[in-house]
Amino acid sequence: MYWTIVILSVILGIAPFVFGFSGVGAALWTALISGVALLVTGIAKWYKAAFILGIWVFVAPFILDFSSTPAALWTSLVVGTVIAVWTGIKWFGAKSPQSAVAH
């Protein structure tokens, strides 16, 4: 599970240079900073923090106004979605219905 986060964080970090949106400041810094933060959360297995970062990566193009750059937009949407869904399953799926009833 955490290897998925690590791999996606590296992809996110190198995406501006590979897909050619390193000239868009907000997209570049969002990818680099979020990529490093996700790398740390993936290695440390902090799924709650990775979930929040995944949501941030998903909404960042709209908040920081780089949604007009297709490569940056799609990179953020795909990476953010996969991380948020995977970590959400890990975080929310970890609670079994029986343990909730027992408490």
C-alpha atoms as a PDB file:
ATOM      1  CA  MET A   1       0.000   0.000   0.000  1.00  0.00           C
ATOM      2  CA  TYR A   2       2.590   2.546   1.023  1.00  0.00           C
ATOM      3  CA  TRP A   3       4.660   1.739  -2.071  1.00  0.00           C
ATOM      4  CA  THR A   4       1.819   3.067  -4.182  1.00  0.00           C
ATOM      5  CA  ILE A   5       1.990   6.382  -2.343  1.00  0.00           C
ATOM      6  CA  VAL A   6       5.779   6.486  -2.684  1.00  0.00           C
ATOM      7  CA  ILE A   7       5.680   5.761  -6.421  1.00  0.00           C
ATOM      8  CA  LEU A   8       2.905   8.295  -7.056  1.00  0.00           C
ATOM      9  CA  SER A   9       4.726  10.932  -5.010  1.00  0.00           C
ATOM     10  CA  VAL A  10       7.818  10.503  -7.178  1.00  0.00           C
ATOM     11  CA  ILE A  11       5.683  10.705 -10.316  1.00  0.00           C
ATOM     12  CA  LEU A  12       4.059  13.871  -8.986  1.00  0.00           C
ATOM     13  CA  GLY A  13       7.446  15.403  -8.167  1.00  0.00           C
ATOM     14  CA  ILE A  14       8.976  14.785 -11.600  1.00  0.00           C
ATOM     15  CA  ALA A  15       5.788  15.459 -13.605  1.00  0.00           C
ATOM     16  CA  PRO A  16       6.445  19.193 -14.174  1.00  0.00           C
ATOM     17  CA  PHE A  17       9.715  18.381 -15.904  1.00  0.00           C
ATOM     18  CA  VAL A  18       8.490  15.336 -17.803  1.00  0.00           C
ATOM     19  CA  PHE A  19       5.169  16.804 -18.959  1.00  0.00           C
ATOM     20  CA  GLY A  20       6.483  20.324 -19.551  1.00  0.00           C
ATOM     21  CA  PHE A  21       4.612  22.461 -17.055  1.00  0.00           C
ATOM     22  CA  SER A  22       7.642  23.526 -15.017  1.00  0.00           C
ATOM     23  CA  GLY A  23       7.106  27.073 -16.276  1.00  0.00           C
ATOM     24  CA  VAL A  24       3.793  27.331 -14.423  1.00  0.00           C
ATOM     25  CA  GLY A  25       4.884  28.421 -10.950  1.00  0.00           C
ATOM     26  CA  ALA A  26       1.864  27.288  -8.943  1.00  0.00           C
ATOM     27  CA  ALA A  27       1.748  23.898 -10.671  1.00  0.00           C
ATOM     28  CA  LEU A  28       5.488  23.377 -10.274  1.00  0.00           C
ATOM     29  CA  TRP A  29       5.614  24.208  -6.578  1.00  0.00           C
ATOM     30  CA  THR A  30       2.426  22.303  -5.793  1.00  0.00           C
ATOM     31  CA  ALA A  31       3.832  19.204  -7.481  1.00  0.00           C
ATOM     32  CA  LEU A  32       7.238  19.487  -5.808  1.00  0.00           C
ATOM     33  CA  ILE A  33       6.067  20.299  -2.286  1.00  0.00           C
ATOM     34  CA  SER A  34       3.143  17.868  -2.370  1.00  0.00           C
ATOM     35  CA  GLY A  35       5.365  15.199  -3.900  1.00  0.00           C
ATOM     36  CA  VAL A  36       7.903  15.479  -1.088  1.00  0.00           C
ATOM     37  CA  ALA A  37       5.173  15.578   1.564  1.00  0.00           C
ATOM     38  CA  LEU A  38       3.498  12.502   0.072  1.00  0.00           C
ATOM     39  CA  LEU A  39       6.839  10.722  -0.092  1.00  0.00           C
ATOM     40  CA  VAL A  40       7.326  11.297   3.628  1.00  0.00           C
ATOM     41  CA  THR A  41       3.780  10.228   4.490  1.00  0.00           C
ATOM     42  CA  GLY A  42       4.100   7.143   2.305  1.00  0.00           C
ATOM     43  CA  ILE A  43       7.350   6.018   3.869  1.00  0.00           C
ATOM     44  CA  ALA A  44       6.032   6.718   7.380  1.00  0.00           C
ATOM     45  CA  LYS A  45       2.688   5.040   6.552  1.00  0.00           C
ATOM     46  CA  TRP A  46       0.718   8.077   7.705  1.00  0.00           C
ATOM     47  CA  TYR A  47      -2.413   7.310   5.720  1.00  0.00           C
ATOM     48  CA  LYS A  48      -4.533  10.072   7.242  1.00  0.00           C
ATOM     49  CA  ALA A  49      -2.020  12.727   6.220  1.00  0.00           C
ATOM     50  CA  ALA A  50      -1.650  11.149   2.775  1.00  0.00           C
ATOM     51  CA  PHE A  51      -5.443  11.192   2.371  1.00  0.00           C
ATOM     52  CA  ILE A  52      -5.561  14.922   3.141  1.00  0.00           C
ATOM     53  CA  LEU A  53      -2.649  15.585   0.783  1.00  0.00           C
ATOM     54  CA  GLY A  54      -4.367  13.551  -1.932  1.00  0.00           C
ATOM     55  CA  ILE A  55      -7.450  15.735  -1.586  1.00  0.00           C
ATOM     56  CA  TRP A  56      -5.232  18.827  -1.735  1.00  0.00           C
ATOM     57  CA  VAL A  57      -3.471  17.622  -4.888  1.00  0.00           C
ATOM     58  CA  PHE A  58      -6.880  17.016  -6.475  1.00  0.00           C
ATOM     59  CA  VAL A  59      -8.320  20.486  -5.703  1.00  0.00           C
ATOM     60  CA  ALA A  60      -5.093  22.518  -6.049  1.00  0.00           C
ATOM     61  CA  PRO A  61      -5.472  23.240  -9.804  1.00  0.00           C
ATOM     62  CA  PHE A  62      -8.791  24.957  -9.145  1.00  0.00           C
ATOM     63  CA  ILE A  63      -7.747  26.809  -5.992  1.00  0.00           C
ATOM     64  CA  LEU A  64      -4.345  27.913  -7.311  1.00  0.00           C
ATOM     65  CA  ASP A  65      -5.687  28.555 -10.832  1.00  0.00           C
ATOM     66  CA  PHE A  66      -3.535  26.296 -12.964  1.00  0.00           C
ATOM     67  CA  SER A  67      -6.445  24.255 -14.303  1.00  0.00           C
ATOM     68  CA  SER A  68      -5.933  25.854 -17.730  1.00  0.00           C
ATOM     69  CA  THR A  69      -2.698  23.855 -18.112  1.00  0.00           C
ATOM     70  CA  PRO A  70      -3.917  20.407 -19.222  1.00  0.00           C
ATOM     71  CA  ALA A  71      -0.830  18.426 -18.210  1.00  0.00           C
ATOM     72  CA  ALA A  72      -0.774  19.943 -14.728  1.00  0.00           C
ATOM     73  CA  LEU A  73      -4.525  19.554 -14.340  1.00  0.00           C
ATOM     74  CA  TRP A  74      -4.636  15.889 -15.337  1.00  0.00           C
ATOM     75  CA  THR A  75      -1.550  14.985 -13.330  1.00  0.00           C
ATOM     76  CA  SER A  76      -3.106  16.519 -10.226  1.00  0.00           C
ATOM     77  CA  LEU A  77      -6.502  14.960 -10.818  1.00  0.00           C
ATOM     78  CA  VAL A  78      -5.206  11.444 -11.460  1.00  0.00           C
ATOM     79  CA  VAL A  79      -2.549  11.353  -8.730  1.00  0.00           C
ATOM     80  CA  GLY A  80      -4.801  13.080  -6.203  1.00  0.00           C
ATOM     81  CA  THR A  81      -7.702  10.731  -6.916  1.00  0.00           C
ATOM     82  CA  VAL A  82      -5.659   7.543  -6.687  1.00  0.00           C
ATOM     83  CA  ILE A  83      -3.966   8.596  -3.452  1.00  0.00           C
ATOM     84  CA  ALA A  84      -7.190   9.826  -1.841  1.00  0.00           C
ATOM     85  CA  VAL A  85      -9.117   6.685  -2.795  1.00  0.00           C
ATOM     86  CA  TRP A  86      -6.387   4.231  -1.758  1.00  0.00           C
ATOM     87  CA  THR A  87      -5.619   5.923   1.534  1.00  0.00           C
ATOM     88  CA  GLY A  88      -9.317   6.526   2.188  1.00  0.00           C
ATOM     89  CA  ILE A  89      -9.948   2.808   1.836  1.00  0.00           C
ATOM     90  CA  LYS A  90      -7.041   2.091   4.160  1.00  0.00           C
ATOM     91  CA  TRP A  91      -8.116   4.724   6.694  1.00  0.00           C
ATOM     92  CA  PHE A  92     -11.892   4.299   6.691  1.00  0.00           C
ATOM     93  CA  GLY A  93     -11.883   0.623   5.781  1.00  0.00           C
ATOM     94  CA  ALA A  94      -9.701  -0.234   8.783  1.00  0.00           C
ATOM     95  CA  LYS A  95     -12.648   0.138  11.134  1.00  0.00           C
ATOM     96  CA  SER A  96     -14.687  -3.035  11.204  1.00  0.00           C
ATOM     97  CA  PRO A  97     -18.433  -2.845  11.971  1.00  0.00           C
ATOM     98  CA  GLN A  98     -18.007  -5.277  14.871  1.00  0.00           C
ATOM     99  CA  SER A  99     -15.482  -3.082  16.653  1.00  0.00           C
ATOM    100  CA  ALA A 100     -17.831  -0.099  16.362  1.00  0.00           C
ATOM    101  CA  VAL A 101     -20.691  -2.065  17.925  1.00  0.00           C
ATOM    102  CA  ALA A 102     -18.519  -3.432  20.735  1.00  0.00           C
ATOM    103  CA  HIS A 103     -17.554   0.051  21.939  1.00  0.00           C
END
